[in-house]
Amino acid sequence: MTERRRLTTVDKLKIIVRQAMCPICGERLGGLDGLDFDHEHALARGGADTIENLRAVHRDCHRVKTSGAKATSHGSDIHEIAKTKRLAAGQEEFRRRLLTKEPGKESERSSKWPSRPLGASKKGKKK
C-alpha cells in the first residue's frame, strides 16, 4: 500500500476556503479541530490522493460516511469497497474458469433439470 498524503495546515485551509460547508450535512464547517479530511472518491476504489480529491467534513459525518449508520453499513465506504472486491473476485473466478476450459469440450450443465426439446409445445396442436 502506498503512503497517504500528509496534509499541511496550508493545504487544510485551502480545502476549507474552497468549500466552507460540509458536503454531507450542509452545515458550516467551523474550526480545524472538529474536521476530518475525506477522499471524495475513495482511494480503495481508484480515487487519487490529491488535494482536489480531498474535502473537509465534520468528524461525525465522516464516521457515518465511512462506517455506515447504526446496525448496517449499507451505503458507506466500507460497504462499497467490500462490494467492489466481491465483484472483482467473481470476475476473476469466471476468467480463470474460461482460461482453463479445454477447446471443443462440452461444459457441464449447471442445471440438473433436463430442458424441453424444441417443438414439443402443446400449444397450437389440433386434435
C-alpha atoms as a PDB file:
ATOM      1  CA  MET A   1       0.000   0.000   0.000  1.00  0.00           C
ATOM      2  CA  THR A   2       1.306   3.456  -0.862  1.00  0.00           C
ATOM      3  CA  GLU A   3       1.886   6.182   1.696  1.00  0.00           C
ATOM      4  CA  ARG A   4      -1.010   8.623   2.042  1.00  0.00           C
ATOM      5  CA  ARG A   5      -0.539  12.346   1.545  1.00  0.00           C
ATOM      6  CA  ARG A   6       0.296  14.321   4.697  1.00  0.00           C
ATOM      7  CA  LEU A   7      -1.777  17.488   4.800  1.00  0.00           C
ATOM      8  CA  THR A   8      -0.161  20.699   5.965  1.00  0.00           C
ATOM      9  CA  THR A   9      -2.175  23.414   7.671  1.00  0.00           C
ATOM     10  CA  VAL A  10      -1.995  25.456   4.456  1.00  0.00           C
ATOM     11  CA  ASP A  11      -3.460  22.511   2.485  1.00  0.00           C
ATOM     12  CA  LYS A  12      -6.279  22.140   5.018  1.00  0.00           C
ATOM     13  CA  LEU A  13      -7.089  25.860   4.861  1.00  0.00           C
ATOM     14  CA  LYS A  14      -7.163  25.775   1.041  1.00  0.00           C
ATOM     15  CA  ILE A  15      -9.701  22.933   1.176  1.00  0.00           C
ATOM     16  CA  ILE A  16     -11.867  24.734   3.760  1.00  0.00           C
ATOM     17  CA  VAL A  17     -11.832  28.004   1.792  1.00  0.00           C
ATOM     18  CA  ARG A  18     -12.798  26.098  -1.357  1.00  0.00           C
ATOM     19  CA  GLN A  19     -15.960  24.646   0.164  1.00  0.00           C
ATOM     20  CA  ALA A  20     -16.907  26.318   3.526  1.00  0.00           C
ATOM     21  CA  MET A  21     -19.830  23.865   4.062  1.00  0.00           C
ATOM     22  CA  CYS A  22     -19.856  20.182   4.986  1.00  0.00           C
ATOM     23  CA  PRO A  23     -20.868  18.315   1.805  1.00  0.00           C
ATOM     24  CA  ILE A  24     -22.603  15.600   3.844  1.00  0.00           C
ATOM     25  CA  CYS A  25     -24.836  17.560   6.255  1.00  0.00           C
ATOM     26  CA  GLY A  26     -24.744  21.003   4.584  1.00  0.00           C
ATOM     27  CA  GLU A  27     -23.773  22.919   7.761  1.00  0.00           C
ATOM     28  CA  ARG A  28     -20.871  25.360   8.137  1.00  0.00           C
ATOM     29  CA  LEU A  29     -17.504  23.712   8.824  1.00  0.00           C
ATOM     30  CA  GLY A  30     -16.143  25.772  11.723  1.00  0.00           C
ATOM     31  CA  GLY A  31     -12.632  25.265  13.155  1.00  0.00           C
ATOM     32  CA  LEU A  32      -9.994  22.741  12.136  1.00  0.00           C
ATOM     33  CA  ASP A  33     -10.225  20.758  15.364  1.00  0.00           C
ATOM     34  CA  GLY A  34     -13.649  19.192  14.611  1.00  0.00           C
ATOM     35  CA  LEU A  35     -12.920  18.291  10.997  1.00  0.00           C
ATOM     36  CA  ASP A  36     -11.653  15.289   9.090  1.00  0.00           C
ATOM     37  CA  PHE A  37     -10.367  15.364   5.541  1.00  0.00           C
ATOM     38  CA  ASP A  38     -12.054  12.749   3.405  1.00  0.00           C
ATOM     39  CA  HIS A  39     -11.288  11.500  -0.090  1.00  0.00           C
ATOM     40  CA  GLU A  40     -14.379  12.225  -2.179  1.00  0.00           C
ATOM     41  CA  HIS A  41     -13.564   9.213  -4.368  1.00  0.00           C
ATOM     42  CA  ALA A  42     -12.139   6.568  -2.033  1.00  0.00           C
ATOM     43  CA  LEU A  43      -8.549   5.502  -2.649  1.00  0.00           C
ATOM     44  CA  ALA A  44      -9.590   1.841  -2.450  1.00  0.00           C
ATOM     45  CA  ARG A  45     -11.976   2.441  -5.362  1.00  0.00           C
ATOM     46  CA  GLY A  46      -9.402   4.151  -7.586  1.00  0.00           C
ATOM     47  CA  GLY A  47      -9.555   7.728  -6.307  1.00  0.00           C
ATOM     48  CA  ALA A  48      -6.455   9.917  -6.481  1.00  0.00           C
ATOM     49  CA  ASP A  49      -4.565  11.106  -3.409  1.00  0.00           C
ATOM     50  CA  THR A  50      -4.637  14.761  -4.446  1.00  0.00           C
ATOM     51  CA  ILE A  51      -5.872  17.937  -2.777  1.00  0.00           C
ATOM     52  CA  GLU A  52      -8.596  18.195  -5.425  1.00  0.00           C
ATOM     53  CA  ASN A  53      -9.990  14.801  -4.307  1.00  0.00           C
ATOM     54  CA  LEU A  54      -9.965  15.798  -0.619  1.00  0.00           C
ATOM     55  CA  ARG A  55     -12.791  17.576   1.141  1.00  0.00           C
ATOM     56  CA  ALA A  56     -13.354  18.766   4.688  1.00  0.00           C
ATOM     57  CA  VAL A  57     -16.208  17.109   6.591  1.00  0.00           C
ATOM     58  CA  HIS A  58     -17.374  17.097  10.194  1.00  0.00           C
ATOM     59  CA  ARG A  59     -15.851  14.239  12.190  1.00  0.00           C
ATOM     60  CA  ASP A  60     -19.288  12.678  12.929  1.00  0.00           C
ATOM     61  CA  CYS A  61     -20.385  12.974   9.291  1.00  0.00           C
ATOM     62  CA  HIS A  62     -17.140  11.315   8.194  1.00  0.00           C
ATOM     63  CA  ARG A  63     -17.649   8.429  10.623  1.00  0.00           C
ATOM     64  CA  VAL A  64     -21.137   7.733   9.233  1.00  0.00           C
ATOM     65  CA  LYS A  65     -19.942   8.018   5.620  1.00  0.00           C
ATOM     66  CA  THR A  66     -17.071   5.611   6.242  1.00  0.00           C
ATOM     67  CA  SER A  67     -18.694   3.012   8.511  1.00  0.00           C
ATOM     68  CA  GLY A  68     -22.434   3.400   7.982  1.00  0.00           C
ATOM     69  CA  ALA A  69     -25.199   4.232  10.395  1.00  0.00           C
ATOM     70  CA  LYS A  70     -26.253   2.031  13.306  1.00  0.00           C
ATOM     71  CA  ALA A  71     -26.536  -1.699  12.553  1.00  0.00           C
ATOM     72  CA  THR A  72     -25.910  -1.586   8.806  1.00  0.00           C
ATOM     73  CA  SER A  73     -23.038  -0.442   6.654  1.00  0.00           C
ATOM     74  CA  HIS A  74     -25.218  -0.092   3.520  1.00  0.00           C
ATOM     75  CA  GLY A  75     -24.265   2.984   1.517  1.00  0.00           C
ATOM     76  CA  SER A  76     -20.995   3.511   3.393  1.00  0.00           C
ATOM     77  CA  ASP A  77     -17.471   3.451   2.014  1.00  0.00           C
ATOM     78  CA  ILE A  78     -16.641   0.102   3.625  1.00  0.00           C
ATOM     79  CA  HIS A  79     -19.779  -1.444   2.125  1.00  0.00           C
ATOM     80  CA  GLU A  80     -18.954  -0.161  -1.362  1.00  0.00           C
ATOM     81  CA  ILE A  81     -15.310  -1.261  -1.128  1.00  0.00           C
ATOM     82  CA  ALA A  82     -16.320  -4.756   0.022  1.00  0.00           C
ATOM     83  CA  LYS A  83     -18.842  -4.968  -2.832  1.00  0.00           C
ATOM     84  CA  THR A  84     -16.191  -3.925  -5.362  1.00  0.00           C
ATOM     85  CA  LYS A  85     -13.784  -6.580  -4.027  1.00  0.00           C
ATOM     86  CA  ARG A  86     -16.528  -9.257  -4.127  1.00  0.00           C
ATOM     87  CA  LEU A  87     -17.411  -8.436  -7.733  1.00  0.00           C
ATOM     88  CA  ALA A  88     -13.740  -8.402  -8.765  1.00  0.00           C
ATOM     89  CA  ALA A  89     -13.208 -11.818  -7.143  1.00  0.00           C
ATOM     90  CA  GLY A  90     -16.240 -13.218  -9.006  1.00  0.00           C
ATOM     91  CA  GLN A  91     -14.971 -11.850 -12.314  1.00  0.00           C
ATOM     92  CA  GLU A  92     -11.507 -13.286 -11.656  1.00  0.00           C
ATOM     93  CA  GLU A  93     -13.009 -16.722 -10.918  1.00  0.00           C
ATOM     94  CA  PHE A  94     -15.010 -16.547 -14.159  1.00  0.00           C
ATOM     95  CA  ARG A  95     -11.871 -15.607 -16.139  1.00  0.00           C
ATOM     96  CA  ARG A  96      -9.947 -18.471 -14.531  1.00  0.00           C
ATOM     97  CA  ARG A  97     -12.698 -20.956 -15.495  1.00  0.00           C
ATOM     98  CA  LEU A  98     -12.750 -19.653 -19.068  1.00  0.00           C
ATOM     99  CA  LEU A  99      -8.994 -19.922 -19.432  1.00  0.00           C
ATOM    100  CA  THR A 100      -8.848 -23.476 -18.057  1.00  0.00           C
ATOM    101  CA  LYS A 101     -11.680 -24.701 -20.287  1.00  0.00           C
ATOM    102  CA  GLU A 102     -10.491 -27.118 -22.977  1.00  0.00           C
ATOM    103  CA  PRO A 103     -11.425 -26.120 -26.542  1.00  0.00           C
ATOM    104  CA  GLY A 104     -14.081 -28.323 -28.145  1.00  0.00           C
ATOM    105  CA  LYS A 105     -15.111 -29.929 -24.861  1.00  0.00           C
ATOM    106  CA  GLU A 106     -18.718 -29.607 -23.747  1.00  0.00           C
ATOM    107  CA  SER A 107     -19.168 -27.801 -20.464  1.00  0.00           C
ATOM    108  CA  GLU A 108     -21.142 -29.427 -17.678  1.00  0.00           C
ATOM    109  CA  ARG A 109     -24.740 -28.352 -17.348  1.00  0.00           C
ATOM    110  CA  SER A 110     -25.344 -26.101 -14.402  1.00  0.00           C
ATOM    111  CA  SER A 111     -28.940 -27.330 -14.022  1.00  0.00           C
ATOM    112  CA  LYS A 112     -29.937 -30.882 -13.147  1.00  0.00           C
ATOM    113  CA  TRP A 113     -33.296 -30.426 -14.851  1.00  0.00           C
ATOM    114  CA  PRO A 114     -33.429 -31.563 -18.487  1.00  0.00           C
ATOM    115  CA  SER A 115     -34.515 -28.943 -20.973  1.00  0.00           C
ATOM    116  CA  ARG A 116     -37.623 -29.418 -23.052  1.00  0.00           C
ATOM    117  CA  PRO A 117     -36.792 -30.184 -26.693  1.00  0.00           C
ATOM    118  CA  LEU A 118     -37.803 -27.552 -29.229  1.00  0.00           C
ATOM    119  CA  GLY A 119     -41.121 -28.094 -30.978  1.00  0.00           C
ATOM    120  CA  ALA A 120     -42.636 -30.097 -28.128  1.00  0.00           C
ATOM    121  CA  SER A 121     -45.023 -27.374 -27.137  1.00  0.00           C
ATOM    122  CA  LYS A 122     -48.647 -28.431 -26.721  1.00  0.00           C
ATOM    123  CA  LYS A 123     -49.796 -25.041 -27.884  1.00  0.00           C
ATOM    124  CA  GLY A 124     -51.235 -24.896 -31.340  1.00  0.00           C
ATOM    125  CA  LYS A 125     -51.780 -28.670 -31.791  1.00  0.00           C
ATOM    126  CA  LYS A 126     -55.135 -29.674 -33.225  1.00  0.00           C
ATOM    127  CA  LYS A 127     -56.943 -32.884 -32.348  1.00  0.00           C
END
